[in-house]
């Protein structure tokens, strides 16, 4: 395996690990909050806020893996009806539109974080957390998605048959153990 392949696998694991840790944190906080409310009539200040931010971070941090594995929700009936060259162009167009959106998300998220830092904005809850901390997932997630979409465009150009095959045979169906 090449150096880029090893780096790519390492990055995949890192994204999955970080996203999983944030989701685990959210579940842990919610369970502790439920138990403490029901058994001890006690509620932690900001638990719901931290759990919400952790779920958002988990989703944004792992969304790029969905791009890599081609598992995002989309209407793909045209991919089954059109010939391979048309499928490539259609997928390329969808990828370019998505790349434009994620690049804008990265840019506007960065601007939002900078503005929040400049004005010293805080969350409106009792935690009074600097709002730029939870907002910073916007440029991070947008950047991660943009990188994966650029990677997808690269493979559409250099190895189009693999991409077309992955579009026509969803990963979930090929691994099914149902009779």
Foldseek 3Di string as FASTA:
>chain_A
DDPVVVVVVVLLVVLQVQLVVLQVLLVVLVVVQVCCCVPPVDGDFCSVVSSVLSNVLSCLSCVLVCLLQVNDDDDQPVLQVDDLVVNLVVVLVVLVVLLVVLVVQLVVLVVVLVVLVVVVQFDPGPVRHSPSVSSVSRNVSSVSNNVSSVVVNVCSVVPVVVVSVCSNQPPVNVPDPDD
